[in-house]
Protein backbone atom coordinates (compact mmCIF):
# COMPACT_ATOMS: atom_id res chain seq x y z
CA MET A 1 0.78 188.36 -11.89
CA SER A 2 -1.85 190.38 -13.74
CA ASN A 3 -2.43 187.48 -16.15
CA LEU A 4 -2.93 185.14 -13.20
CA LEU A 5 -5.47 187.50 -11.62
CA LEU A 6 -7.24 187.87 -14.96
CA LYS A 7 -7.45 184.09 -15.37
CA PHE A 8 -8.72 183.70 -11.79
CA SER A 9 -11.38 186.35 -12.38
CA GLN A 10 -12.66 184.32 -15.33
CA TYR A 11 -13.17 181.32 -13.06
CA PHE A 12 -14.37 183.26 -10.02
CA ARG A 13 -16.69 186.17 -10.72
CA PRO A 14 -19.71 186.52 -8.41
CA ARG A 15 -22.83 187.97 -9.98
CA LEU A 16 -22.88 190.58 -7.20
CA ILE A 17 -20.06 192.42 -9.00
CA ASP A 18 -22.06 192.81 -12.22
CA ALA A 19 -25.37 193.40 -10.41
CA LEU A 20 -24.02 196.45 -8.57
CA ARG A 21 -23.26 198.30 -11.81
CA GLY A 22 -25.70 201.19 -12.04
CA TYR A 23 -27.17 200.26 -8.67
CA ASP A 24 -29.38 203.00 -7.23
CA LYS A 25 -31.57 203.80 -4.21
CA ALA A 26 -34.73 202.53 -5.86
CA ARG A 27 -33.25 199.09 -6.49
CA PHE A 28 -31.74 199.03 -3.00
CA SER A 29 -35.11 199.80 -1.44
CA THR A 30 -36.75 197.00 -3.44
CA ASP A 31 -34.01 194.54 -2.52
CA VAL A 32 -34.28 195.40 1.18
CA THR A 33 -38.05 194.82 1.13
CA ALA A 34 -37.60 191.49 -0.68
CA GLY A 35 -34.80 190.42 1.65
CA ILE A 36 -36.81 191.14 4.81
CA THR A 37 -39.80 189.26 3.37
CA VAL A 38 -37.74 186.17 2.56
CA GLY A 39 -35.91 186.39 5.88
CA VAL A 40 -39.18 186.25 7.80
CA ILE A 41 -40.37 183.30 5.71
CA ALA A 42 -37.03 181.49 6.12
CA LEU A 43 -37.18 181.56 9.94
CA PRO A 44 -39.83 178.86 10.53
CA LEU A 45 -38.48 176.78 7.65
CA ALA A 46 -34.93 176.85 8.99
CA ILE A 47 -36.12 175.79 12.44
CA ALA A 48 -38.38 173.06 11.04
CA PHE A 49 -35.70 171.66 8.71
CA ALA A 50 -33.19 171.47 11.54
CA ILE A 51 -35.52 169.70 13.97
CA ALA A 52 -36.71 167.26 11.30
CA SER A 53 -33.06 166.51 10.46
CA GLY A 54 -32.33 165.53 14.05
CA ALA A 55 -30.45 168.72 14.91
CA LYS A 56 -31.11 171.63 17.25
CA PRO A 57 -33.27 174.46 15.87
CA GLU A 58 -30.43 176.98 16.03
CA ALA A 59 -28.40 174.83 13.61
CA GLY A 60 -30.95 175.57 10.89
CA ILE A 61 -31.03 179.29 11.67
CA PHE A 62 -27.25 179.62 11.72
CA THR A 63 -27.06 177.73 8.41
CA ALA A 64 -29.60 180.08 6.83
CA ILE A 65 -27.65 183.10 8.09
CA ILE A 66 -24.12 182.03 7.19
CA ALA A 67 -24.76 179.97 4.07
CA GLY A 68 -27.41 182.40 2.86
CA PHE A 69 -24.97 185.31 3.15
CA ILE A 70 -22.12 183.45 1.39
CA ILE A 71 -24.26 182.06 -1.44
CA SER A 72 -25.77 185.47 -2.21
CA THR A 73 -22.40 187.24 -1.99
CA LEU A 74 -20.36 184.77 -4.04
CA GLY A 75 -22.98 182.97 -6.14
CA GLY A 76 -23.62 182.94 -9.86
CA SER A 77 -27.31 183.91 -9.67
CA ARG A 78 -28.78 187.36 -9.11
CA VAL A 79 -31.67 186.20 -6.94
CA GLN A 80 -30.75 182.78 -5.52
CA ILE A 81 -31.53 182.27 -1.81
CA GLY A 82 -29.44 179.65 -0.06
CA GLY A 83 -29.87 177.77 3.19
CA PRO A 84 -31.10 174.46 4.61
CA THR A 85 -33.75 172.76 2.48
CA GLY A 86 -36.27 169.96 2.83
CA ALA A 87 -34.39 167.79 0.34
CA PHE A 88 -31.55 167.35 2.85
CA ILE A 89 -33.76 166.27 5.76
CA VAL A 90 -33.72 162.55 5.04
CA ILE A 91 -30.01 162.46 4.20
CA VAL A 92 -28.92 164.52 7.20
CA TYR A 93 -31.11 162.54 9.59
CA GLY A 94 -29.66 159.27 8.30
CA ILE A 95 -26.08 160.51 8.65
CA ILE A 96 -26.68 161.74 12.20
CA MET A 97 -28.27 158.43 13.19
CA GLN A 98 -25.44 156.37 11.68
CA TYR A 99 -22.34 158.52 12.19
CA GLY A 100 -23.26 161.20 14.73
CA TYR A 101 -23.57 164.97 14.44
CA ALA A 102 -19.81 165.61 14.54
CA ASN A 103 -19.32 163.43 11.47
CA LEU A 104 -22.20 165.19 9.72
CA LEU A 105 -20.19 168.39 9.98
CA ILE A 106 -17.20 166.63 8.41
CA CYS A 107 -19.41 165.22 5.65
CA THR A 108 -20.70 168.72 4.93
CA MET A 109 -17.17 170.12 4.68
CA MET A 110 -16.11 167.29 2.36
CA ALA A 111 -19.16 167.94 0.21
CA GLY A 112 -18.22 171.62 0.11
CA VAL A 113 -14.74 170.78 -1.18
CA MET A 114 -16.30 168.55 -3.85
CA LEU A 115 -18.67 171.33 -4.94
CA VAL A 116 -15.83 173.84 -5.23
CA ALA A 117 -13.83 171.31 -7.29
CA MET A 118 -16.85 170.73 -9.54
CA GLY A 119 -17.24 174.46 -10.08
CA LEU A 120 -13.56 175.07 -10.83
CA ALA A 121 -13.56 172.08 -13.21
CA ARG A 122 -16.44 173.76 -15.10
CA MET A 123 -18.80 170.87 -14.39
CA GLY A 124 -21.82 173.07 -13.72
CA ASN A 125 -23.32 172.43 -17.14
CA LEU A 126 -23.04 168.65 -16.71
CA ILE A 127 -25.83 168.65 -14.13
CA LYS A 128 -28.34 169.25 -16.92
CA PHE A 129 -27.57 165.77 -18.23
CA PHE A 130 -29.39 164.23 -15.27
CA PRO A 131 -32.61 162.87 -16.79
CA ARG A 132 -35.77 164.67 -15.74
CA PRO A 133 -37.53 161.40 -14.71
CA LEU A 134 -34.62 160.66 -12.39
CA ILE A 135 -34.93 164.05 -10.68
CA MET A 136 -38.72 163.72 -10.46
CA GLY A 137 -38.37 160.25 -8.94
CA PHE A 138 -35.99 161.10 -6.14
CA THR A 139 -37.67 164.46 -5.45
CA SER A 140 -41.02 162.73 -4.94
CA GLY A 141 -39.34 160.01 -2.88
CA ILE A 142 -37.78 162.60 -0.59
CA ALA A 143 -41.19 164.27 -0.22
CA VAL A 144 -42.74 160.97 0.92
CA LEU A 145 -39.93 160.41 3.42
CA ILE A 146 -40.34 163.95 4.82
CA ILE A 147 -44.06 163.36 5.28
CA LEU A 148 -43.33 160.06 7.02
CA SER A 149 -40.73 161.67 9.27
CA GLN A 150 -43.31 164.20 10.49
CA VAL A 151 -45.93 161.65 11.53
CA LYS A 152 -44.48 161.56 15.06
CA GLU A 153 -44.73 165.32 15.59
CA PHE A 154 -48.00 165.74 13.69
CA PHE A 155 -49.85 163.10 15.75
CA GLY A 156 -47.89 163.59 18.96
CA LEU A 157 -46.85 159.91 19.06
CA ARG A 158 -44.76 158.61 21.94
CA ILE A 159 -41.63 157.65 20.02
CA GLU A 160 -38.25 158.12 21.65
CA VAL A 161 -36.12 157.94 18.50
CA MET A 162 -37.47 157.69 14.96
CA PRO A 163 -35.37 155.23 12.88
CA ALA A 164 -33.68 156.49 9.75
CA ASP A 165 -34.77 153.76 7.31
CA PHE A 166 -38.22 153.42 5.76
CA ILE A 167 -39.16 149.90 6.93
CA HIS A 168 -38.25 150.51 10.58
CA GLN A 169 -40.05 153.86 10.49
CA LEU A 170 -43.27 152.13 9.42
CA GLN A 171 -42.85 149.50 12.14
CA THR A 172 -42.18 152.15 14.81
CA ILE A 173 -45.18 154.24 13.76
CA TYR A 174 -47.41 151.16 13.74
CA ARG A 175 -46.36 150.19 17.26
CA ALA A 176 -46.94 153.75 18.54
CA ALA A 177 -50.26 154.28 16.73
CA GLY A 178 -52.21 153.98 19.99
CA SER A 179 -50.40 156.90 21.63
CA VAL A 180 -51.91 159.71 19.52
CA ASN A 181 -52.10 163.06 21.35
CA PHE A 182 -55.38 164.53 20.07
CA VAL A 183 -54.53 168.04 21.22
CA THR A 184 -51.32 167.91 19.18
CA LEU A 185 -53.20 166.43 16.21
CA LEU A 186 -55.83 169.20 16.27
CA LEU A 187 -53.16 171.89 16.50
CA ALA A 188 -51.12 170.37 13.65
CA ALA A 189 -54.17 169.80 11.44
CA GLY A 190 -55.43 173.33 12.07
CA SER A 191 -52.01 174.76 11.23
CA ALA A 192 -51.79 172.71 8.03
CA LEU A 193 -55.27 173.78 6.90
CA LEU A 194 -54.47 177.43 7.63
CA ILE A 195 -51.25 177.25 5.60
CA TRP A 196 -52.93 175.42 2.72
CA PHE A 197 -56.08 177.52 2.42
CA TYR A 198 -54.65 180.87 3.50
CA PRO A 199 -55.76 183.48 0.93
CA LYS A 200 -53.09 184.11 -1.68
CA THR A 201 -53.73 187.85 -1.69
CA TRP A 202 -53.02 188.08 2.03
CA GLY A 203 -50.04 185.78 1.68
CA GLN A 204 -48.19 188.33 -0.42
CA LYS A 205 -47.90 190.55 2.66
CA LEU A 206 -48.14 188.03 5.48
CA PRO A 207 -46.83 184.58 4.47
CA SER A 208 -49.00 181.70 5.66
CA PRO A 209 -46.18 179.83 7.53
CA ILE A 210 -45.57 182.94 9.64
CA ILE A 211 -49.28 183.36 10.41
CA ALA A 212 -49.57 179.69 11.39
CA LEU A 213 -46.41 179.91 13.51
CA VAL A 214 -47.56 183.04 15.37
CA LEU A 215 -51.12 181.81 15.95
CA GLY A 216 -49.93 178.36 17.02
CA THR A 217 -47.46 179.86 19.47
CA VAL A 218 -50.04 182.26 20.90
CA VAL A 219 -52.62 179.51 21.37
CA VAL A 220 -50.12 177.24 23.14
CA ALA A 221 -48.90 180.05 25.41
CA LEU A 222 -52.40 181.37 26.31
CA PHE A 223 -54.08 178.04 26.98
CA ASN A 224 -50.99 176.21 28.23
CA LEU A 225 -51.70 173.30 25.89
CA PRO A 226 -50.01 169.96 26.69
CA VAL A 227 -47.95 169.83 23.49
CA GLU A 228 -44.22 169.73 22.83
CA THR A 229 -42.53 173.03 22.07
CA ILE A 230 -39.02 174.17 21.26
CA GLY A 231 -38.65 175.10 24.92
CA THR A 232 -39.74 171.72 26.33
CA ARG A 233 -37.49 169.74 23.98
CA PHE A 234 -34.50 171.98 23.32
CA GLY A 235 -34.70 174.63 26.04
CA GLY A 236 -35.04 177.46 23.54
CA ILE A 237 -32.76 179.14 20.98
CA PRO A 238 -29.52 180.93 21.97
CA GLN A 239 -29.78 184.71 21.78
CA SER A 240 -26.26 185.10 20.42
CA LEU A 241 -24.04 184.62 17.43
CA PRO A 242 -22.86 181.07 16.70
CA ALA A 243 -19.50 180.11 18.19
CA PHE A 244 -16.56 179.15 15.98
CA ASP A 245 -15.94 175.47 16.76
CA PRO A 246 -13.85 173.51 14.22
CA PRO A 247 -14.96 169.85 14.04
CA GLU A 248 -12.35 167.24 14.87
CA PHE A 249 -11.63 164.53 12.34
CA THR A 250 -9.10 161.88 11.41
CA PHE A 251 -8.10 160.67 7.95
CA ALA A 252 -9.34 157.20 8.87
CA THR A 253 -12.81 158.67 9.41
CA LEU A 254 -12.85 160.40 6.04
CA ARG A 255 -12.82 157.08 4.19
CA HIS A 256 -16.12 156.01 5.76
CA LEU A 257 -17.73 159.41 5.15
CA LEU A 258 -16.88 159.64 1.46
CA ALA A 259 -20.16 158.11 0.22
CA PRO A 260 -22.52 160.31 2.30
CA ALA A 261 -20.40 163.37 1.47
CA MET A 262 -20.77 162.63 -2.24
CA THR A 263 -24.53 162.30 -1.76
CA ILE A 264 -24.69 165.72 -0.10
CA ALA A 265 -22.54 167.27 -2.86
CA LEU A 266 -24.57 165.71 -5.65
CA LEU A 267 -27.92 166.68 -4.19
CA GLY A 268 -26.65 170.16 -3.34
CA ALA A 269 -25.45 170.69 -6.91
CA ILE A 270 -28.68 169.46 -8.49
CA GLU A 271 -30.93 171.38 -6.09
CA SER A 272 -29.04 174.67 -6.37
CA LEU A 273 -28.77 174.64 -10.16
CA LEU A 274 -32.42 173.66 -10.56
CA SER A 275 -33.37 176.54 -8.28
CA ALA A 276 -31.16 178.95 -10.23
CA ALA A 277 -32.68 177.72 -13.51
CA VAL A 278 -36.20 178.33 -12.17
CA ALA A 279 -35.15 181.84 -11.13
CA ASP A 280 -33.71 182.48 -14.61
CA GLY A 281 -37.10 181.77 -16.12
CA MET A 282 -38.79 184.18 -13.72
CA ILE A 283 -36.44 187.13 -14.30
CA ASP A 284 -35.31 186.38 -17.88
CA ASP A 285 -31.66 185.99 -16.87
CA LYS A 286 -28.85 183.45 -17.17
CA HIS A 287 -26.94 182.28 -14.10
CA ASP A 288 -23.34 181.06 -14.04
CA PRO A 289 -23.62 177.41 -12.95
CA ASN A 290 -19.92 177.00 -12.19
CA GLN A 291 -19.78 180.11 -10.03
CA GLU A 292 -22.90 178.91 -8.27
CA LEU A 293 -21.24 175.56 -7.45
CA VAL A 294 -18.17 177.34 -6.09
CA ALA A 295 -20.35 179.52 -3.83
CA GLN A 296 -22.36 176.52 -2.65
CA GLY A 297 -19.10 174.71 -1.90
CA ILE A 298 -17.61 177.58 0.10
CA ALA A 299 -20.84 177.91 2.08
CA ASN A 300 -20.78 174.21 2.97
CA ILE A 301 -17.13 174.41 3.98
CA VAL A 302 -17.72 177.39 6.30
CA THR A 303 -21.04 176.54 7.99
CA PRO A 304 -19.79 173.37 9.80
CA PHE A 305 -17.31 175.53 11.70
CA PHE A 306 -20.37 177.11 13.34
CA GLY A 307 -22.34 173.89 13.79
CA GLY A 308 -24.40 174.40 10.64
CA LEU A 309 -26.15 171.95 8.34
CA PRO A 310 -25.68 171.31 4.60
CA ALA A 311 -27.00 174.16 2.49
CA THR A 312 -28.09 174.63 -1.10
CA GLY A 313 -30.32 176.83 -3.23
CA ALA A 314 -33.92 176.90 -1.99
CA ILE A 315 -36.45 176.94 -4.82
CA ALA A 316 -39.45 178.17 -2.79
CA ARG A 317 -37.53 180.95 -1.04
CA THR A 318 -35.83 181.97 -4.30
CA ALA A 319 -39.22 182.19 -6.03
CA THR A 320 -40.56 184.25 -3.12
CA ASN A 321 -37.53 186.53 -3.42
CA VAL A 322 -38.28 187.13 -7.09
CA ARG A 323 -41.99 187.74 -6.49
CA ALA A 324 -41.08 190.23 -3.75
CA GLY A 325 -39.17 192.27 -6.34
CA ALA A 326 -35.51 191.32 -5.78
CA THR A 327 -33.14 192.71 -8.41
CA SER A 328 -29.72 191.65 -7.12
CA PRO A 329 -27.87 189.44 -4.60
CA VAL A 330 -28.29 192.30 -2.11
CA ALA A 331 -31.76 190.89 -1.35
CA GLY A 332 -30.21 187.56 -0.34
CA ILE A 333 -27.69 189.33 1.88
CA VAL A 334 -30.51 191.30 3.55
CA HIS A 335 -32.39 188.02 4.07
CA ALA A 336 -29.42 186.64 6.02
CA LEU A 337 -29.04 189.83 8.08
CA THR A 338 -32.79 189.79 8.84
CA LEU A 339 -32.48 186.32 10.32
CA LEU A 340 -29.49 187.46 12.37
CA VAL A 341 -31.44 190.41 13.81
CA ILE A 342 -34.38 188.13 14.66
CA VAL A 343 -32.07 185.77 16.55
CA LEU A 344 -30.40 188.58 18.48
CA VAL A 345 -33.67 190.30 19.37
CA ALA A 346 -36.48 187.75 19.48
CA ALA A 347 -34.86 184.38 20.26
CA PRO A 348 -36.57 184.01 23.69
CA LEU A 349 -39.99 184.17 22.01
CA ALA A 350 -39.23 180.94 20.15
CA THR A 351 -39.55 178.94 23.38
CA HIS A 352 -43.31 178.51 22.96
CA ILE A 353 -43.24 177.54 19.26
CA PRO A 354 -45.11 174.19 19.05
CA LEU A 355 -43.43 171.35 17.17
CA ALA A 356 -46.85 170.39 15.80
CA THR A 357 -47.06 173.65 13.87
CA LEU A 358 -43.53 173.17 12.54
CA SER A 359 -44.48 169.67 11.39
CA ALA A 360 -47.52 171.13 9.59
CA ILE A 361 -45.24 173.59 7.79
CA LEU A 362 -42.97 170.74 6.69
CA LEU A 363 -45.95 168.66 5.61
CA VAL A 364 -47.10 171.39 3.24
CA VAL A 365 -43.52 171.91 2.01
CA ALA A 366 -43.20 168.19 1.25
CA ILE A 367 -46.53 168.07 -0.59
CA ASN A 368 -45.53 171.07 -2.70
CA MET A 369 -42.05 169.73 -3.52
CA GLY A 370 -43.29 166.34 -4.76
CA GLU A 371 -43.46 165.85 -8.54
CA TRP A 372 -46.87 164.18 -8.33
CA GLU A 373 -47.92 165.24 -11.81
CA GLY A 374 -45.32 162.87 -13.23
CA PHE A 375 -47.14 159.86 -11.78
CA ARG A 376 -50.49 160.99 -13.17
CA THR A 377 -49.03 161.26 -16.67
CA LEU A 378 -46.88 158.12 -16.69
CA LYS A 379 -48.72 156.71 -19.71
CA LYS A 380 -47.69 159.74 -21.75
CA TYR A 381 -43.98 159.04 -21.20
CA PRO A 382 -41.88 156.48 -23.06
CA ALA A 383 -41.73 153.19 -21.13
CA SER A 384 -38.03 153.75 -20.36
CA ASP A 385 -38.63 157.18 -18.78
CA SER A 386 -41.56 155.83 -16.75
CA ALA A 387 -39.38 152.99 -15.49
CA VAL A 388 -36.64 155.39 -14.41
CA LEU A 389 -39.15 157.59 -12.55
CA VAL A 390 -40.89 154.72 -10.73
CA VAL A 391 -37.73 152.78 -9.88
CA THR A 392 -35.93 155.90 -8.60
CA PHE A 393 -38.96 156.85 -6.50
CA LEU A 394 -39.25 153.38 -4.91
CA LEU A 395 -35.52 153.09 -4.29
CA THR A 396 -35.43 156.55 -2.69
CA VAL A 397 -38.27 155.68 -0.34
CA VAL A 398 -37.09 152.18 0.59
CA PHE A 399 -33.29 152.31 0.35
CA GLY A 400 -32.34 156.00 0.39
CA LEU A 401 -31.18 158.65 -2.04
CA THR A 402 -27.62 157.34 -2.56
CA VAL A 403 -28.79 153.95 -3.83
CA ALA A 404 -31.63 155.55 -5.81
CA VAL A 405 -29.39 157.97 -7.72
CA GLU A 406 -26.75 155.31 -8.45
CA ILE A 407 -29.20 152.69 -9.73
CA GLY A 408 -31.47 155.28 -11.32
CA MET A 409 -28.57 156.73 -13.31
CA PHE A 410 -27.52 153.21 -14.35
CA ILE A 411 -31.02 152.43 -15.62
CA ALA A 412 -31.29 155.80 -17.36
CA VAL A 413 -27.92 155.31 -19.09
CA PHE A 414 -28.89 151.75 -20.06
CA PHE A 415 -32.13 152.92 -21.70
CA PHE A 416 -30.30 155.82 -23.36
CA ILE A 417 -27.75 153.46 -24.90
CA LYS A 418 -30.54 151.15 -26.02
CA ARG A 419 -32.45 154.03 -27.59
CA ILE A 420 -29.40 155.38 -29.43
CA THR A 421 -28.51 151.86 -30.56
CA GLU A 422 -31.97 151.44 -32.03
CA LEU A 423 -31.49 154.68 -33.97
CA THR A 424 -28.31 153.36 -35.60
CA HIS A 425 -29.06 151.61 -38.89
CA VAL A 426 -27.04 149.80 -41.53
CA SER A 427 -28.81 149.19 -44.84
CA VAL A 428 -28.04 148.44 -48.48
CA ALA A 429 -27.79 151.77 -50.31
CA GLU A 430 -30.20 150.82 -53.09
CA GLU A 431 -32.81 150.05 -50.44
CA SER A 432 -32.35 153.38 -48.73
CA PRO A 433 -35.18 155.92 -49.28
CA GLN A 434 -32.65 158.77 -49.40
CA ALA A 435 -30.27 159.68 -52.19
CA ASP A 436 -27.05 161.61 -51.71
CA ASP A 437 -27.38 165.35 -52.21
CA GLY A 438 -25.74 166.35 -55.48
CA GLU A 439 -25.13 162.74 -56.51
CA MET A 440 -26.86 160.43 -58.90
CA THR A 441 -29.53 158.14 -57.51
CA LEU A 442 -28.01 154.70 -57.15
CA THR A 443 -29.27 151.88 -59.32
CA ARG A 444 -28.09 148.34 -59.63
CA LYS A 445 -26.75 149.16 -63.12
CA ALA A 446 -24.58 151.93 -61.67
CA VAL A 447 -22.90 149.59 -59.20
CA PRO A 448 -20.33 147.23 -60.74
CA LYS A 449 -20.63 143.51 -60.14
CA GLY A 450 -18.89 142.46 -56.95
CA VAL A 451 -19.42 145.87 -55.28
CA VAL A 452 -21.84 146.39 -52.39
CA ILE A 453 -22.71 149.78 -50.89
CA TYR A 454 -24.00 150.11 -47.37
CA ARG A 455 -25.46 153.24 -45.82
CA VAL A 456 -24.63 153.70 -42.13
CA PHE A 457 -26.83 156.06 -40.14
CA GLY A 458 -26.55 157.27 -36.52
CA ALA A 459 -23.87 157.02 -33.85
CA LEU A 460 -21.41 154.14 -33.92
CA PHE A 461 -20.32 153.33 -30.37
CA PHE A 462 -19.89 150.27 -28.19
CA GLY A 463 -23.65 149.69 -28.02
CA ALA A 464 -24.06 149.64 -31.82
CA ALA A 465 -20.67 148.40 -33.01
CA ASP A 466 -21.97 144.88 -33.59
CA LYS A 467 -24.10 146.22 -36.44
CA LEU A 468 -20.92 146.68 -38.45
CA GLU A 469 -20.00 143.05 -37.91
CA ALA A 470 -23.37 142.00 -39.30
CA ILE A 471 -22.73 143.74 -42.63
CA LEU A 472 -21.23 140.78 -44.47
CA ALA A 473 -23.88 138.44 -43.08
CA LYS A 474 -26.53 140.50 -44.87
CA THR A 475 -25.06 139.76 -48.33
CA ASN A 476 -25.60 136.46 -50.13
CA ALA A 477 -21.96 136.41 -51.16
CA GLU A 478 -18.95 138.25 -49.82
CA PRO A 479 -18.35 141.28 -52.10
CA ASP A 480 -15.04 142.07 -53.74
CA VAL A 481 -15.42 145.72 -52.69
CA LEU A 482 -17.46 146.95 -49.75
CA ILE A 483 -18.33 150.66 -49.72
CA LEU A 484 -19.52 152.19 -46.45
CA LYS A 485 -21.44 155.45 -46.87
CA MET A 486 -20.63 157.34 -43.66
CA HIS A 487 -22.11 160.77 -44.39
CA GLU A 488 -24.71 160.26 -41.66
CA VAL A 489 -22.46 158.77 -38.99
CA ILE A 490 -22.28 161.69 -36.56
CA SER A 491 -20.09 160.03 -33.93
CA MET A 492 -17.85 157.04 -33.44
CA ASP A 493 -16.00 155.63 -30.44
CA ALA A 494 -13.01 153.32 -29.98
CA SER A 495 -15.19 150.19 -29.87
CA ALA A 496 -16.70 150.96 -33.27
CA LEU A 497 -13.25 151.76 -34.67
CA HIS A 498 -11.94 148.42 -33.39
CA THR A 499 -14.87 146.64 -35.08
CA LEU A 500 -14.17 148.53 -38.31
CA GLU A 501 -10.52 147.49 -38.18
CA HIS A 502 -11.60 143.88 -37.61
CA LEU A 503 -13.90 144.10 -40.64
CA TYR A 504 -11.08 145.51 -42.75
CA LYS A 505 -8.61 142.78 -41.71
CA LYS A 506 -11.20 140.08 -42.35
CA MET A 507 -11.73 141.36 -45.91
CA ARG A 508 -8.02 141.79 -46.68
CA LYS A 509 -7.29 138.21 -45.68
CA ARG A 510 -9.64 137.21 -48.50
CA ASP A 511 -8.14 139.77 -50.89
CA LYS A 512 -11.24 141.96 -50.64
CA HIS A 513 -11.41 145.74 -50.30
CA LEU A 514 -13.04 148.32 -48.02
CA ILE A 515 -13.81 151.90 -49.07
CA LEU A 516 -15.02 154.62 -46.72
CA CYS A 517 -17.26 157.22 -48.32
CA GLY A 518 -17.65 160.73 -46.83
CA PRO A 519 -16.80 160.18 -43.15
CA HIS A 520 -18.17 162.92 -40.90
CA THR A 521 -15.90 165.27 -38.90
CA GLN A 522 -15.65 163.41 -35.58
CA PRO A 523 -15.29 159.90 -37.10
CA TYR A 524 -12.78 161.29 -39.64
CA PHE A 525 -10.49 162.74 -36.99
CA LEU A 526 -10.79 159.64 -34.79
CA MET A 527 -9.78 157.30 -37.63
CA HIS A 528 -7.04 159.66 -38.77
CA GLN A 529 -5.60 160.01 -35.26
CA ALA A 530 -5.70 156.22 -34.73
CA GLY A 531 -3.78 155.65 -37.99
CA PHE A 532 -6.62 153.70 -39.62
CA PHE A 533 -6.35 155.66 -42.87
CA GLU A 534 -2.74 154.50 -43.26
CA LYS A 535 -3.88 150.89 -42.84
CA ILE A 536 -6.76 151.10 -45.29
CA GLY A 537 -4.92 153.45 -47.65
CA GLN A 538 -5.69 157.11 -48.27
CA ASP A 539 -7.02 156.28 -51.75
CA ASN A 540 -9.77 154.22 -50.11
CA VAL A 541 -11.16 157.24 -48.22
CA VAL A 542 -13.26 159.31 -50.64
CA ALA A 543 -15.72 162.19 -50.47
CA ASN A 544 -18.80 160.82 -52.30
CA VAL A 545 -20.34 157.75 -53.88
CA ASN A 546 -19.24 158.66 -57.41
CA ASP A 547 -15.60 158.71 -56.32
CA ALA A 548 -16.16 155.51 -54.35
CA LEU A 549 -17.48 153.71 -57.46
CA LYS A 550 -14.53 154.93 -59.53
CA ARG A 551 -12.15 153.64 -56.87
CA ALA A 552 -14.04 150.33 -56.72
CA ARG A 553 -13.71 149.83 -60.51
CA THR A 554 -9.97 150.49 -60.25
CA LEU A 555 -9.58 147.90 -57.47
CA ILE A 556 -11.59 145.30 -59.40
CA ASN A 557 -9.59 145.83 -62.60
CA HIS A 558 -6.25 146.11 -60.80
CA PRO A 559 -6.45 144.02 -57.59
CA GLN A 560 -3.92 144.70 -54.86
CA PRO A 561 -2.31 141.92 -52.79
CA PRO A 562 -2.72 142.00 -49.02
CA SER A 563 -0.09 144.05 -47.19
CA PRO A 564 2.42 142.27 -44.86
CA GLU A 565 0.62 143.90 -41.88
CA ASP A 566 -2.65 142.26 -42.93
């Protein structure tokens, strides 16, 4: 039993446990201050994200409270802040429009299970293999879609329901362009300018979104402006804890929700681990990516039972947490409790919050989250990376994140294979500019007649295996002995091994010989495990070129007949 608990603790060890070692009053005071600061900042963002996603404002607040508490308590980062984020807006809105809010809750739970499975399977480190251009492309695409989704609220357009897809959104906005509410537009523009140009020194104590939210609400309440507010659209925010309400589902429904659930899980994993990595750089720390995925998964399993939205690590709030002096996950826990207190005490005041100000907050968030620098420096990137960035961006905007990530990954993998293939070379050894360390420099006099030596460099896999087949075509006459220098072959897969076996059989049918010289560790074990050394003969696998030439002279002077297997 103790061994089982020890093994479980290796897979499940929240950073909170280690962070509390040597914890004192000074650190607690700093964490409380940081937590309250982030909690205040998170309030307008949580409300804005929920409304933009097509949900009620309290759904965002409850998500920030519950998911924020769980992620800080169980996560693998000391300072990560979890909750609803702008990256999910487009996905969540599309799911609600297509499947309904009840099925969104099921999608979120399924995504949570996937995230936990990814964490327990130690897949946290695999997220770093997502190409940077791919992440930049879909991040910028999401930013554009968020901006587009806020046009209705920013301009006060008379649109009953905003479509989920890009083309229909443009058509709907075009048809409603004549219904601009100039009071709403002035309020939204003023809020956006205040947030954007708010002095940074003041913002350390009073965050600009809070100032804009308070001033916008006061102006609307004092002058009774004809703009939409949380009260006019939603009737306000409940002044109570969220109710436990398990979503109903059937196994037949799960099949249709698998794709959107995978999208939520994938985006949640990428977003949270990117946020944790950014925090590591700010505090000189190293997070546990697998523990972080487990915490994110548990949070997304629990929040739907209280009507919450998908949650992940929030880069902006995490950075604010660090700048406010957070030293441990206690700050994240205080952030969640701060939001809870605000809901229980000040929920009625949210009635007059104008949606125009919330849209201005989201507009600034979207502009800040976009990777616009990547587009300005496209010419500095390799053509393949630029193509991945642009294609992923366009696909995200036009067809959605799921299609963008799938096709973007395919293109990225294709260019990666092409690049690695181009790095794999097969050349005649005498023509090679490099000589073997500790060996004589090859000359034509040193190589017996009928012997050809080829140097193979790079990774031999399915994309480059055909270069082995072209070896004999490069010689004017088929050699009696072919020596393959494999010192610089760092990796080999089954396709390359199959091609090598085909080359060997082709030579043996003509009573010719193949010698492998100095195979590297991974190729050596692959060929040994596959039984290729038994086919070719252990004497034909040597350590260096000198031994290979000695073996070649022996084979020429004492030829061996083909084996029955050949």
